[in-house]
PDB file of N, CA and C in Angstrom:
ATOM      1  N   MET A   1       0.846  -1.178   0.000  1.00  0.00           N
ATOM      2  CA  MET A   1       0.000   0.000   0.000  1.00  0.00           C
ATOM      3  C   MET A   1       0.891   1.240   0.000  1.00  0.00           C
ATOM      4  N   THR A   2       0.439   2.267  -0.630  1.00  0.00           N
ATOM      5  CA  THR A   2       1.212   3.491  -0.750  1.00  0.00           C
ATOM      6  C   THR A   2       0.542   4.633   0.003  1.00  0.00           C
ATOM      7  N   ASP A   3       1.338   5.574   0.451  1.00  0.00           N
ATOM      8  CA  ASP A   3       0.807   6.725   1.170  1.00  0.00           C
ATOM      9  C   ASP A   3       0.615   7.937   0.264  1.00  0.00           C
ATOM     10  N   LYS A   4       0.841   7.748  -1.024  1.00  0.00           N
ATOM     11  CA  LYS A   4       0.726   8.864  -1.954  1.00  0.00           C
ATOM     12  C   LYS A   4      -0.737   9.131  -2.296  1.00  0.00           C
ATOM     13  N   THR A   5      -1.050  10.395  -2.479  1.00  0.00           N
ATOM     14  CA  THR A   5      -2.397  10.802  -2.864  1.00  0.00           C
ATOM     15  C   THR A   5      -2.544  10.653  -4.370  1.00  0.00           C
ATOM     16  N   ILE A   6      -3.629  10.041  -4.792  1.00  0.00           N
ATOM     17  CA  ILE A   6      -3.909   9.888  -6.216  1.00  0.00           C
ATOM     18  C   ILE A   6      -4.526  11.178  -6.720  1.00  0.00           C
ATOM     19  N   GLN A   7      -4.051  11.640  -7.868  1.00  0.00           N
ATOM     20  CA  GLN A   7      -4.591  12.865  -8.454  1.00  0.00           C
ATOM     21  C   GLN A   7      -5.299  12.530  -9.757  1.00  0.00           C
ATOM     22  N   PHE A   8      -6.434  13.184  -9.978  1.00  0.00           N
ATOM     23  CA  PHE A   8      -7.194  13.037 -11.205  1.00  0.00           C
ATOM     24  C   PHE A   8      -7.042  14.302 -12.028  1.00  0.00           C
ATOM     25  N   THR A   9      -6.914  14.140 -13.316  1.00  0.00           N
ATOM     26  CA  THR A   9      -6.893  15.278 -14.217  1.00  0.00           C
ATOM     27  C   THR A   9      -7.861  14.980 -15.347  1.00  0.00           C
ATOM     28  N   ILE A  10      -8.808  15.874 -15.538  1.00  0.00           N
ATOM     29  CA  ILE A  10      -9.819  15.694 -16.579  1.00  0.00           C
ATOM     30  C   ILE A  10      -9.763  16.892 -17.508  1.00  0.00           C
ATOM     31  N   SER A  11      -9.660  16.610 -18.792  1.00  0.00           N
ATOM     32  CA  SER A  11      -9.590  17.698 -19.768  1.00  0.00           C
ATOM     33  C   SER A  11     -10.941  18.401 -19.880  1.00  0.00           C
ATOM     34  N   ASP A  12     -10.898  19.642 -20.315  1.00  0.00           N
ATOM     35  CA  ASP A  12     -12.137  20.411 -20.497  1.00  0.00           C
ATOM     36  C   ASP A  12     -13.058  19.738 -21.506  1.00  0.00           C
ATOM     37  N   GLU A  13     -12.472  19.161 -22.548  1.00  0.00           N
ATOM     38  CA  GLU A  13     -13.274  18.483 -23.574  1.00  0.00           C
ATOM     39  C   GLU A  13     -13.984  17.260 -22.996  1.00  0.00           C
ATOM     40  N   HIS A  14     -13.271  16.501 -22.182  1.00  0.00           N
ATOM     41  CA  HIS A  14     -13.868  15.318 -21.558  1.00  0.00           C
ATOM     42  C   HIS A  14     -14.963  15.727 -20.572  1.00  0.00           C
ATOM     43  N   GLU A  15     -14.722  16.803 -19.852  1.00  0.00           N
ATOM     44  CA  GLU A  15     -15.718  17.321 -18.920  1.00  0.00           C
ATOM     45  C   GLU A  15     -16.978  17.756 -19.673  1.00  0.00           C
ATOM     46  N   LYS A  16     -16.803  18.394 -20.820  1.00  0.00           N
ATOM     47  CA  LYS A  16     -17.930  18.822 -21.641  1.00  0.00           C
ATOM     48  C   LYS A  16     -18.728  17.612 -22.138  1.00  0.00           C
ATOM     49  N   GLU A  17     -18.020  16.560 -22.546  1.00  0.00           N
ATOM     50  CA  GLU A  17     -18.684  15.340 -23.012  1.00  0.00           C
ATOM     51  C   GLU A  17     -19.494  14.697 -21.882  1.00  0.00           C
ATOM     52  N   MET A  18     -18.922  14.655 -20.677  1.00  0.00           N
ATOM     53  CA  MET A  18     -19.654  14.101 -19.539  1.00  0.00           C
ATOM     54  C   MET A  18     -20.908  14.913 -19.249  1.00  0.00           C
ATOM     55  N   ARG A  19     -20.795  16.229 -19.323  1.00  0.00           N
ATOM     56  CA  ARG A  19     -21.940  17.105 -19.079  1.00  0.00           C
ATOM     57  C   ARG A  19     -23.057  16.825 -20.088  1.00  0.00           C
ATOM     58  N   GLU A  20     -22.686  16.687 -21.357  1.00  0.00           N
ATOM     59  CA  GLU A  20     -23.676  16.422 -22.398  1.00  0.00           C
ATOM     60  C   GLU A  20     -24.378  15.091 -22.173  1.00  0.00           C
ATOM     61  N   ILE A  21     -23.616  14.080 -21.799  1.00  0.00           N
ATOM     62  CA  ILE A  21     -24.209  12.766 -21.521  1.00  0.00           C
ATOM     63  C   ILE A  21     -25.137  12.858 -20.316  1.00  0.00           C
ATOM     64  N   LEU A  22     -24.693  13.511 -19.270  1.00  0.00           N
ATOM     65  CA  LEU A  22     -25.497  13.625 -18.058  1.00  0.00           C
ATOM     66  C   LEU A  22     -26.803  14.369 -18.322  1.00  0.00           C
ATOM     67  N   VAL A  23     -26.759  15.432 -19.106  1.00  0.00           N
ATOM     68  CA  VAL A  23     -27.970  16.185 -19.457  1.00  0.00           C
ATOM     69  C   VAL A  23     -28.911  15.311 -20.282  1.00  0.00           C
ATOM     70  N   SER A  24     -28.362  14.568 -21.214  1.00  0.00           N
ATOM     71  CA  SER A  24     -29.187  13.683 -22.044  1.00  0.00           C
ATOM     72  C   SER A  24     -29.863  12.605 -21.203  1.00  0.00           C
ATOM     73  N   VAL A  25     -29.107  11.998 -20.298  1.00  0.00           N
ATOM     74  CA  VAL A  25     -29.672  10.967 -19.413  1.00  0.00           C
ATOM     75  C   VAL A  25     -30.729  11.583 -18.507  1.00  0.00           C
ATOM     76  N   TYR A  26     -30.443  12.739 -17.944  1.00  0.00           N
ATOM     77  CA  TYR A  26     -31.397  13.457 -17.089  1.00  0.00           C
ATOM     78  C   TYR A  26     -32.709  13.690 -17.841  1.00  0.00           C
ATOM     79  N   ASN A  27     -32.613  14.196 -19.057  1.00  0.00           N
ATOM     80  CA  ASN A  27     -33.811  14.475 -19.863  1.00  0.00           C
ATOM     81  C   ASN A  27     -34.590  13.198 -20.185  1.00  0.00           C
ATOM     82  N   SER A  28     -33.887  12.116 -20.445  1.00  0.00           N
ATOM     83  CA  SER A  28     -34.556  10.837 -20.718  1.00  0.00           C
ATOM     84  C   SER A  28     -35.316  10.352 -19.490  1.00  0.00           C
ATOM     85  N   LEU A  29     -34.725  10.526 -18.320  1.00  0.00           N
ATOM     86  CA  LEU A  29     -35.413  10.132 -17.082  1.00  0.00           C
ATOM     87  C   LEU A  29     -36.660  10.976 -16.858  1.00  0.00           C
ATOM     88  N   VAL A  30     -36.571  12.272 -17.119  1.00  0.00           N
ATOM     89  CA  VAL A  30     -37.731  13.163 -16.986  1.00  0.00           C
ATOM     90  C   VAL A  30     -38.828  12.726 -17.957  1.00  0.00           C
ATOM     91  N   GLU A  31     -38.458  12.444 -19.206  1.00  0.00           N
ATOM     92  CA  GLU A  31     -39.439  12.035 -20.219  1.00  0.00           C
ATOM     93  C   GLU A  31     -40.192  10.776 -19.804  1.00  0.00           C
ATOM     94  N   LYS A  32     -39.518   9.884 -19.101  1.00  0.00           N
ATOM     95  CA  LYS A  32     -40.161   8.644 -18.666  1.00  0.00           C
ATOM     96  C   LYS A  32     -40.888   8.787 -17.333  1.00  0.00           C
ATOM     97  N   GLY A  33     -40.844   9.979 -16.726  1.00  0.00           N
ATOM     98  CA  GLY A  33     -41.590  10.225 -15.502  1.00  0.00           C
ATOM     99  C   GLY A  33     -40.857   9.883 -14.215  1.00  0.00           C
ATOM    100  N   TYR A  34     -39.570   9.655 -14.298  1.00  0.00           N
ATOM    101  CA  TYR A  34     -38.779   9.347 -13.101  1.00  0.00           C
ATOM    102  C   TYR A  34     -38.281  10.622 -12.436  1.00  0.00           C
ATOM    103  N   ASN A  35     -37.887  10.503 -11.180  1.00  0.00           N
ATOM    104  CA  ASN A  35     -37.211  11.587 -10.482  1.00  0.00           C
ATOM    105  C   ASN A  35     -35.733  11.461 -10.865  1.00  0.00           C
ATOM    106  N   PRO A  36     -35.252  12.300 -11.784  1.00  0.00           N
ATOM    107  CA  PRO A  36     -33.897  12.107 -12.314  1.00  0.00           C
ATOM    108  C   PRO A  36     -32.795  12.242 -11.264  1.00  0.00           C
ATOM    109  N   THR A  37     -32.985  13.116 -10.297  1.00  0.00           N
ATOM    110  CA  THR A  37     -31.957  13.279  -9.269  1.00  0.00           C
ATOM    111  C   THR A  37     -31.811  11.996  -8.459  1.00  0.00           C
ATOM    112  N   SER A  38     -32.916  11.442  -8.010  1.00  0.00           N
ATOM    113  CA  SER A  38     -32.873  10.205  -7.226  1.00  0.00           C
ATOM    114  C   SER A  38     -32.296   9.048  -8.034  1.00  0.00           C
ATOM    115  N   GLN A  39     -32.693   8.943  -9.283  1.00  0.00           N
ATOM    116  CA  GLN A  39     -32.213   7.852 -10.125  1.00  0.00           C
ATOM    117  C   GLN A  39     -30.709   7.971 -10.369  1.00  0.00           C
ATOM    118  N   LEU A  40     -30.245   9.184 -10.642  1.00  0.00           N
ATOM    119  CA  LEU A  40     -28.817   9.378 -10.900  1.00  0.00           C
ATOM    120  C   LEU A  40     -27.985   9.149  -9.642  1.00  0.00           C
ATOM    121  N   VAL A  41     -28.465   9.600  -8.501  1.00  0.00           N
ATOM    122  CA  VAL A  41     -27.753   9.354  -7.246  1.00  0.00           C
ATOM    123  C   VAL A  41     -27.679   7.850  -6.983  1.00  0.00           C
ATOM    124  N   GLY A  42     -28.775   7.155  -7.184  1.00  0.00           N
ATOM    125  CA  GLY A  42     -28.776   5.695  -7.014  1.00  0.00           C
ATOM    126  C   GLY A  42     -27.756   5.024  -7.908  1.00  0.00           C
ATOM    127  N   TYR A  43     -27.691   5.471  -9.153  1.00  0.00           N
ATOM    128  CA  TYR A  43     -26.716   4.905 -10.081  1.00  0.00           C
ATOM    129  C   TYR A  43     -25.285   5.225  -9.646  1.00  0.00           C
ATOM    130  N   ILE A  44     -25.027   6.469  -9.305  1.00  0.00           N
ATOM    131  CA  ILE A  44     -23.666   6.871  -8.929  1.00  0.00           C
ATOM    132  C   ILE A  44     -23.193   6.103  -7.696  1.00  0.00           C
ATOM    133  N   LEU A  45     -24.066   5.920  -6.721  1.00  0.00           N
ATOM    134  CA  LEU A  45     -23.679   5.227  -5.496  1.00  0.00           C
ATOM    135  C   LEU A  45     -23.487   3.725  -5.702  1.00  0.00           C
ATOM    136  N   SER A  46     -24.292   3.120  -6.553  1.00  0.00           N
ATOM    137  CA  SER A  46     -24.277   1.668  -6.680  1.00  0.00           C
ATOM    138  C   SER A  46     -23.659   1.144  -7.974  1.00  0.00           C
ATOM    139  N   GLU A  47     -23.618   1.971  -8.987  1.00  0.00           N
ATOM    140  CA  GLU A  47     -23.221   1.602 -10.352  1.00  0.00           C
ATOM    141  C   GLU A  47     -24.160   0.532 -10.928  1.00  0.00           C
ATOM    142  N   ASP A  48     -25.367   0.490 -10.391  1.00  0.00           N
ATOM    143  CA  ASP A  48     -26.381  -0.432 -10.889  1.00  0.00           C
ATOM    144  C   ASP A  48     -27.100   0.247 -12.053  1.00  0.00           C
ATOM    145  N   PRO A  49     -26.919  -0.242 -13.278  1.00  0.00           N
ATOM    146  CA  PRO A  49     -27.498   0.420 -14.452  1.00  0.00           C
ATOM    147  C   PRO A  49     -29.018   0.416 -14.493  1.00  0.00           C
ATOM    148  N   THR A  50     -29.655  -0.413 -13.673  1.00  0.00           N
ATOM    149  CA  THR A  50     -31.116  -0.449 -13.712  1.00  0.00           C
ATOM    150  C   THR A  50     -31.749   0.815 -13.136  1.00  0.00           C
ATOM    151  N   TYR A  51     -30.963   1.664 -12.501  1.00  0.00           N
ATOM    152  CA  TYR A  51     -31.475   2.964 -12.054  1.00  0.00           C
ATOM    153  C   TYR A  51     -31.744   3.892 -13.234  1.00  0.00           C
ATOM    154  N   ILE A  52     -31.154   3.587 -14.392  1.00  0.00           N
ATOM    155  CA  ILE A  52     -31.250   4.451 -15.565  1.00  0.00           C
ATOM    156  C   ILE A  52     -32.103   3.776 -16.629  1.00  0.00           C
ATOM    157  N   THR A  53     -33.038   4.516 -17.183  1.00  0.00           N
ATOM    158  CA  THR A  53     -33.916   4.006 -18.217  1.00  0.00           C
ATOM    159  C   THR A  53     -33.139   3.684 -19.500  1.00  0.00           C
ATOM    160  N   THR A  54     -33.690   2.775 -20.279  1.00  0.00           N
ATOM    161  CA  THR A  54     -33.106   2.483 -21.596  1.00  0.00           C
ATOM    162  C   THR A  54     -33.625   3.456 -22.651  1.00  0.00           C
ATOM    163  N   HIS A  55     -34.610   4.264 -22.277  1.00  0.00           N
ATOM    164  CA  HIS A  55     -35.200   5.262 -23.181  1.00  0.00           C
ATOM    165  C   HIS A  55     -34.103   6.163 -23.746  1.00  0.00           C
ATOM    166  N   ASN A  56     -34.119   6.375 -25.047  1.00  0.00           N
ATOM    167  CA  ASN A  56     -33.130   7.214 -25.746  1.00  0.00           C
ATOM    168  C   ASN A  56     -31.690   6.739 -25.520  1.00  0.00           C
ATOM    169  N   ASN A  57     -31.532   5.444 -25.260  1.00  0.00           N
ATOM    170  CA  ASN A  57     -30.197   4.861 -25.081  1.00  0.00           C
ATOM    171  C   ASN A  57     -29.466   5.422 -23.841  1.00  0.00           C
ATOM    172  N   ALA A  58     -30.240   5.924 -22.879  1.00  0.00           N
ATOM    173  CA  ALA A  58     -29.662   6.578 -21.701  1.00  0.00           C
ATOM    174  C   ALA A  58     -28.776   5.636 -20.886  1.00  0.00           C
ATOM    175  N   ARG A  59     -29.181   4.395 -20.752  1.00  0.00           N
ATOM    176  CA  ARG A  59     -28.402   3.452 -19.946  1.00  0.00           C
ATOM    177  C   ARG A  59     -27.020   3.201 -20.560  1.00  0.00           C
ATOM    178  N   SER A  60     -26.978   3.078 -21.849  1.00  0.00           N
ATOM    179  CA  SER A  60     -25.682   2.894 -22.526  1.00  0.00           C
ATOM    180  C   SER A  60     -24.827   4.149 -22.416  1.00  0.00           C
ATOM    181  N   LEU A  61     -25.460   5.298 -22.530  1.00  0.00           N
ATOM    182  CA  LEU A  61     -24.722   6.558 -22.442  1.00  0.00           C
ATOM    183  C   LEU A  61     -24.081   6.747 -21.072  1.00  0.00           C
ATOM    184  N   ILE A  62     -24.839   6.524 -20.009  1.00  0.00           N
ATOM    185  CA  ILE A  62     -24.327   6.783 -18.661  1.00  0.00           C
ATOM    186  C   ILE A  62     -23.145   5.872 -18.341  1.00  0.00           C
ATOM    187  N   ARG A  63     -23.106   4.693 -18.946  1.00  0.00           N
ATOM    188  CA  ARG A  63     -22.014   3.756 -18.678  1.00  0.00           C
ATOM    189  C   ARG A  63     -20.710   4.174 -19.350  1.00  0.00           C
ATOM    190  N   LYS A  64     -20.768   5.202 -20.200  1.00  0.00           N
ATOM    191  CA  LYS A  64     -19.559   5.737 -20.824  1.00  0.00           C
ATOM    192  C   LYS A  64     -18.797   6.662 -19.876  1.00  0.00           C
ATOM    193  N   ILE A  65     -19.457   7.058 -18.790  1.00  0.00           N
ATOM    194  CA  ILE A  65     -18.854   7.990 -17.832  1.00  0.00           C
ATOM    195  C   ILE A  65     -18.256   7.209 -16.671  1.00  0.00           C
ATOM    196  N   ASP A  66     -17.006   7.499 -16.363  1.00  0.00           N
ATOM    197  CA  ASP A  66     -16.363   6.925 -15.194  1.00  0.00           C
ATOM    198  C   ASP A  66     -16.914   7.626 -13.949  1.00  0.00           C
ATOM    199  N   ARG A  67     -17.411   6.868 -12.987  1.00  0.00           N
ATOM    200  CA  ARG A  67     -18.038   7.469 -11.809  1.00  0.00           C
ATOM    201  C   ARG A  67     -17.078   8.332 -11.008  1.00  0.00           C
ATOM    202  N   ASP A  68     -15.824   7.918 -10.886  1.00  0.00           N
ATOM    203  CA  ASP A  68     -14.847   8.720 -10.143  1.00  0.00           C
ATOM    204  C   ASP A  68     -14.648  10.080 -10.803  1.00  0.00           C
ATOM    205  N   GLU A  69     -14.546  10.067 -12.130  1.00  0.00           N
ATOM    206  CA  GLU A  69     -14.386  11.327 -12.853  1.00  0.00           C
ATOM    207  C   GLU A  69     -15.633  12.193 -12.714  1.00  0.00           C
ATOM    208  N   LEU A  70     -16.791  11.565 -12.795  1.00  0.00           N
ATOM    209  CA  LEU A  70     -18.042  12.303 -12.651  1.00  0.00           C
ATOM    210  C   LEU A  70     -18.128  12.960 -11.278  1.00  0.00           C
ATOM    211  N   LEU A  71     -17.800  12.227 -10.239  1.00  0.00           N
ATOM    212  CA  LEU A  71     -17.840  12.794  -8.892  1.00  0.00           C
ATOM    213  C   LEU A  71     -16.864  13.955  -8.752  1.00  0.00           C
ATOM    214  N   GLN A  72     -15.700  13.831  -9.369  1.00  0.00           N
ATOM    215  CA  GLN A  72     -14.732  14.919  -9.310  1.00  0.00           C
ATOM    216  C   GLN A  72     -15.292  16.168  -9.968  1.00  0.00           C
ATOM    217  N   VAL A  73     -15.886  16.030 -11.136  1.00  0.00           N
ATOM    218  CA  VAL A  73     -16.444  17.172 -11.862  1.00  0.00           C
ATOM    219  C   VAL A  73     -17.621  17.775 -11.098  1.00  0.00           C
ATOM    220  N   LEU A  74     -18.482  16.927 -10.544  1.00  0.00           N
ATOM    221  CA  LEU A  74     -19.628  17.421  -9.783  1.00  0.00           C
ATOM    222  C   LEU A  74     -19.176  18.193  -8.543  1.00  0.00           C
ATOM    223  N   LEU A  75     -18.198  17.661  -7.831  1.00  0.00           N
ATOM    224  CA  LEU A  75     -17.693  18.332  -6.633  1.00  0.00           C
ATOM    225  C   LEU A  75     -17.042  19.663  -6.999  1.00  0.00           C
ATOM    226  N   LYS A  76     -16.255  19.660  -8.039  1.00  0.00           N
ATOM    227  CA  LYS A  76     -15.600  20.889  -8.503  1.00  0.00           C
ATOM    228  C   LYS A  76     -16.648  21.939  -8.865  1.00  0.00           C
ATOM    229  N   SER A  77     -17.675  21.528  -9.571  1.00  0.00           N
ATOM    230  CA  SER A  77     -18.736  22.452  -9.968  1.00  0.00           C
ATOM    231  C   SER A  77     -19.500  22.964  -8.743  1.00  0.00           C
ATOM    232  N   TYR A  78     -19.790  22.090  -7.806  1.00  0.00           N
ATOM    233  CA  TYR A  78     -20.518  22.482  -6.605  1.00  0.00           C
ATOM    234  C   TYR A  78     -19.723  23.506  -5.783  1.00  0.00           C
ATOM    235  N   LEU A  79     -18.439  23.265  -5.653  1.00  0.00           N
ATOM    236  CA  LEU A  79     -17.606  24.155  -4.834  1.00  0.00           C
ATOM    237  C   LEU A  79     -17.352  25.496  -5.515  1.00  0.00           C
ATOM    238  N   LYS A  80     -17.484  25.568  -6.830  1.00  0.00           N
ATOM    239  CA  LYS A  80     -17.337  26.834  -7.555  1.00  0.00           C
ATOM    240  C   LYS A  80     -18.497  27.777  -7.265  1.00  0.00           C
ATOM    241  N   SER A  81     -19.658  27.205  -7.020  1.00  0.00           N
ATOM    242  CA  SER A  81     -20.889  28.003  -6.829  1.00  0.00           C
ATOM    243  C   SER A  81     -20.806  28.906  -5.635  1.00  0.00           C
TER     244      SER A  81
END
């Protein structure tokens, strides 16, 4: 085991792609009548794809995002506010 801190670096382009996917998945969940915030939190915490609808290929899209990277971007965005 190492005592070094792991650092993540995400390019602006990759961050933009994650944002677009997340918005698309969010909109698909809304269209199907789900609470998108609850569904996305469930997915992020468990990585269980059944939290995400297959509508508009949302389930396949969300699996393209690495959860660790997503959490980093979300935290960074939250702390900027």
